[in-house]
Amino acid sequence: MKKPAILSISCILLLGILITAYTAFAGRRPYKDLNASDISTAAVRLSPPDKTVQIVEIKELVEYLKDVVIYHEDNAYTEYDGQGVTFMLTMRDGTQTSIMAYGSFLVIDGVGYKTKVEPCEALNNYANRLLNREDAMIVLKEPPRLAVVCGKTCFNTLLGTYSWQKRNPDGTAASIESDSAHPLSCIGGSGR
């Protein structure tokens, strides 16, 4: 009669080990319930080339995010080189989140997770397609400055008078109107 008791204890112990191993190595889908209607604005920053693109069609992004499976926490992504694409989402409730796809890592609000390469590659390809579109909406934080290169020398120019608008994360817009001195006044002396 002792054999069935030992056998049942062994089975329970083995089942416990299998459940522990499964929960330790099974992935989870953090965005499986995400809907495009949950997001008010989205943009992606590609590094390199250090450009940010406004995402107009959020539904396509959500479909890519739903495919992502994360495993254990792993911040080793800082040891790798390559292009990272960071999606910045502002949710309808006003909260913000950033999701970086980088090789076999997904970094959610600064915390890295090991993931499969394929979903991250799909996010990376999606971001690069957005950047390379003719109608890409490049987001600039400040007005661009002109630099003149002659040979191996680079000359920065004065920014001059400008009017600038940018969208805040909460959806409002900020405007800047700037005036400057006449260019001839800036070269020293009276400009004559």
Protein backbone atom coordinates (compact mmCIF):
# COMPACT_ATOMS: atom_id res chain seq x y z
CA MET A 1 0.00 0.00 0.00
CA LYS A 2 2.93 2.33 0.38
CA LYS A 3 3.78 2.28 -3.35
CA PRO A 4 0.60 4.15 -4.46
CA ALA A 5 1.22 6.83 -1.80
CA ILE A 6 4.79 7.31 -2.98
CA LEU A 7 3.63 7.32 -6.59
CA SER A 8 0.96 9.95 -5.94
CA ILE A 9 3.41 12.16 -4.04
CA SER A 10 5.89 11.83 -6.93
CA CYS A 11 3.17 12.74 -9.43
CA ILE A 12 2.13 15.78 -7.40
CA LEU A 13 5.77 16.85 -7.05
CA LEU A 14 6.38 16.41 -10.80
CA LEU A 15 3.20 18.31 -11.62
CA GLY A 16 4.32 21.14 -9.34
CA ILE A 17 7.70 21.31 -11.06
CA LEU A 18 6.06 21.35 -14.51
CA ILE A 19 3.67 24.16 -13.50
CA THR A 20 6.56 26.20 -12.03
CA ALA A 21 8.65 25.70 -15.17
CA TYR A 22 5.73 26.61 -17.43
CA THR A 23 4.96 29.84 -15.55
CA ALA A 24 8.66 30.78 -15.50
CA PHE A 25 9.18 30.28 -19.24
CA ALA A 26 5.74 30.91 -20.71
CA GLY A 27 5.34 34.30 -22.26
CA ARG A 28 2.59 36.81 -21.86
CA ARG A 29 1.04 39.22 -24.32
CA PRO A 30 0.96 42.65 -22.64
CA TYR A 31 -1.03 44.24 -25.49
CA LYS A 32 -3.42 41.43 -26.40
CA ASP A 33 -6.46 43.49 -25.28
CA LEU A 34 -5.26 46.82 -26.72
CA ASN A 35 -7.60 48.56 -29.18
CA ALA A 36 -6.85 51.47 -31.49
CA SER A 37 -9.65 53.39 -29.76
CA ASP A 38 -7.65 53.23 -26.49
CA ILE A 39 -4.91 55.46 -28.01
CA SER A 40 -5.33 59.18 -28.66
CA THR A 41 -1.91 59.87 -30.26
CA ALA A 42 1.07 57.78 -31.30
CA ALA A 43 4.53 58.51 -32.67
CA VAL A 44 7.68 56.48 -33.24
CA ARG A 45 11.30 57.54 -32.78
CA LEU A 46 13.86 55.68 -34.87
CA SER A 47 17.42 55.71 -33.49
CA PRO A 48 19.38 55.93 -35.72
CA PRO A 49 18.59 58.18 -37.65
CA ASP A 50 17.12 60.00 -34.61
CA LYS A 51 13.88 60.98 -36.32
CA THR A 52 10.35 60.92 -34.95
CA VAL A 53 7.33 60.16 -37.13
CA GLN A 54 3.72 60.86 -36.19
CA ILE A 55 1.57 57.74 -36.59
CA VAL A 56 -1.75 58.51 -38.25
CA GLU A 57 -3.13 54.98 -38.75
CA ILE A 58 -2.99 53.63 -35.19
CA LYS A 59 -4.89 50.43 -35.98
CA GLU A 60 -1.93 48.95 -37.89
CA LEU A 61 0.42 49.64 -34.96
CA VAL A 62 -1.98 47.96 -32.54
CA GLU A 63 -2.03 44.81 -34.69
CA TYR A 64 1.78 44.59 -34.46
CA LEU A 65 1.74 45.18 -30.70
CA LYS A 66 -0.83 42.41 -30.18
CA ASP A 67 1.67 39.90 -31.66
CA VAL A 68 4.38 40.69 -29.09
CA VAL A 69 5.03 38.05 -26.43
CA ILE A 70 7.35 38.96 -23.55
CA TYR A 71 9.13 36.52 -21.27
CA HIS A 72 11.34 37.30 -18.30
CA GLU A 73 12.70 40.73 -17.40
CA ASP A 74 16.10 41.31 -19.02
CA ASN A 75 17.89 44.65 -19.28
CA ALA A 76 20.83 43.27 -21.32
CA TYR A 77 19.54 45.27 -24.31
CA THR A 78 21.91 48.04 -23.22
CA GLU A 79 24.84 45.83 -24.28
CA TYR A 80 23.80 45.66 -27.96
CA ASP A 81 24.16 47.96 -30.95
CA GLY A 82 21.59 48.50 -33.65
CA GLN A 83 18.45 50.42 -34.45
CA GLY A 84 15.84 50.82 -31.77
CA VAL A 85 12.32 51.99 -32.54
CA THR A 86 10.45 53.60 -29.67
CA PHE A 87 6.69 53.94 -29.91
CA MET A 88 5.29 56.72 -27.72
CA LEU A 89 1.62 56.29 -26.98
CA THR A 90 -0.74 58.72 -25.30
CA MET A 91 -3.79 56.86 -24.13
CA ARG A 92 -7.35 58.25 -24.05
CA ASP A 93 -7.16 58.46 -20.25
CA GLY A 94 -4.09 60.75 -20.52
CA THR A 95 -1.48 58.19 -19.47
CA GLN A 96 1.63 57.78 -21.58
CA THR A 97 3.74 54.75 -22.33
CA SER A 98 6.84 54.07 -24.37
CA ILE A 99 7.56 50.76 -26.05
CA MET A 100 10.95 50.15 -27.64
CA ALA A 101 11.52 47.21 -29.98
CA TYR A 102 15.21 46.38 -30.09
CA GLY A 103 16.43 43.06 -31.48
CA SER A 104 15.07 40.31 -29.22
CA PHE A 105 14.09 42.78 -26.51
CA LEU A 106 10.99 44.81 -25.83
CA VAL A 107 11.49 47.72 -23.43
CA ILE A 108 8.26 48.94 -21.82
CA ASP A 109 8.59 52.22 -19.91
CA GLY A 110 12.29 51.59 -19.30
CA VAL A 111 12.01 47.92 -18.26
CA GLY A 112 13.52 45.41 -20.69
CA TYR A 113 11.99 42.02 -21.46
CA LYS A 114 13.29 39.14 -23.53
CA THR A 115 11.02 38.43 -26.49
CA LYS A 116 10.99 36.69 -29.82
CA VAL A 117 12.89 38.43 -32.61
CA GLU A 118 10.11 38.22 -35.23
CA PRO A 119 7.56 40.58 -33.57
CA CYS A 120 10.32 43.12 -32.84
CA GLU A 121 11.56 42.90 -36.43
CA ALA A 122 7.98 43.46 -37.62
CA LEU A 123 7.73 46.61 -35.43
CA ASN A 124 11.12 47.80 -36.70
CA ASN A 125 10.14 47.24 -40.35
CA TYR A 126 6.82 49.00 -39.76
CA ALA A 127 8.59 52.05 -38.25
CA ASN A 128 11.05 52.24 -41.16
CA ARG A 129 8.21 52.00 -43.69
CA LEU A 130 6.52 54.94 -41.94
CA LEU A 131 9.75 56.96 -42.07
CA ASN A 132 10.33 56.22 -45.75
CA ARG A 133 6.83 57.13 -46.92
CA GLU A 134 6.58 60.24 -49.08
CA ASP A 135 3.88 61.66 -46.81
CA ALA A 136 5.70 60.84 -43.53
CA MET A 137 4.87 63.36 -40.82
CA ILE A 138 8.30 64.02 -39.28
CA VAL A 139 7.97 65.51 -35.80
CA LEU A 140 10.52 68.21 -35.01
CA LYS A 141 10.80 69.48 -31.44
CA GLU A 142 12.34 72.78 -32.56
CA PRO A 143 12.89 74.65 -35.80
CA PRO A 144 15.63 73.19 -38.00
CA ARG A 145 18.89 75.11 -38.27
CA LEU A 146 20.76 75.52 -41.50
CA ALA A 147 24.39 74.43 -41.56
CA VAL A 148 26.62 75.25 -44.53
CA VAL A 149 29.43 72.79 -45.22
CA CYS A 150 32.40 73.83 -47.35
CA GLY A 151 35.15 71.26 -47.61
CA LYS A 152 35.76 70.01 -44.07
CA THR A 153 34.39 73.15 -42.42
CA CYS A 154 30.84 73.51 -41.17
CA PHE A 155 29.33 76.97 -40.65
CA ASN A 156 26.23 77.31 -38.48
CA THR A 157 23.80 80.01 -39.51
CA LEU A 158 21.60 82.28 -37.44
CA LEU A 159 18.10 81.00 -36.88
CA GLY A 160 16.40 84.27 -37.73
CA THR A 161 12.73 85.12 -37.39
CA TYR A 162 10.40 82.14 -37.20
CA SER A 163 6.99 80.92 -36.21
CA TRP A 164 6.87 77.41 -34.73
CA GLN A 165 4.13 75.08 -33.53
CA LYS A 166 4.36 71.69 -31.88
CA ARG A 167 1.86 69.25 -30.45
CA ASN A 168 2.08 68.50 -26.73
CA PRO A 169 1.62 64.93 -25.47
CA ASP A 170 -1.84 65.84 -24.16
CA GLY A 171 -2.98 66.80 -27.66
CA THR A 172 -2.83 70.59 -27.21
CA ALA A 173 -0.56 72.75 -29.36
CA ALA A 174 2.19 75.14 -28.32
CA SER A 175 3.19 78.08 -30.52
CA ILE A 176 6.34 80.16 -30.54
CA GLU A 177 6.82 83.43 -32.42
CA SER A 178 10.41 84.60 -32.50
CA ASP A 179 12.00 87.69 -33.95
CA SER A 180 15.68 88.34 -34.50
CA ALA A 181 18.02 91.10 -35.47
CA HIS A 182 18.61 91.84 -39.12
CA PRO A 183 21.40 89.53 -40.41
CA LEU A 184 23.65 92.46 -41.32
CA SER A 185 23.41 93.70 -37.72
CA CYS A 186 24.88 90.42 -36.51
CA ILE A 187 28.18 90.50 -38.42
CA GLY A 188 29.72 93.10 -36.17
CA GLY A 189 29.54 96.81 -36.65
CA SER A 190 26.79 98.71 -38.44
CA GLY A 191 26.39 96.27 -41.35
CA ARG A 192 27.49 98.85 -43.95
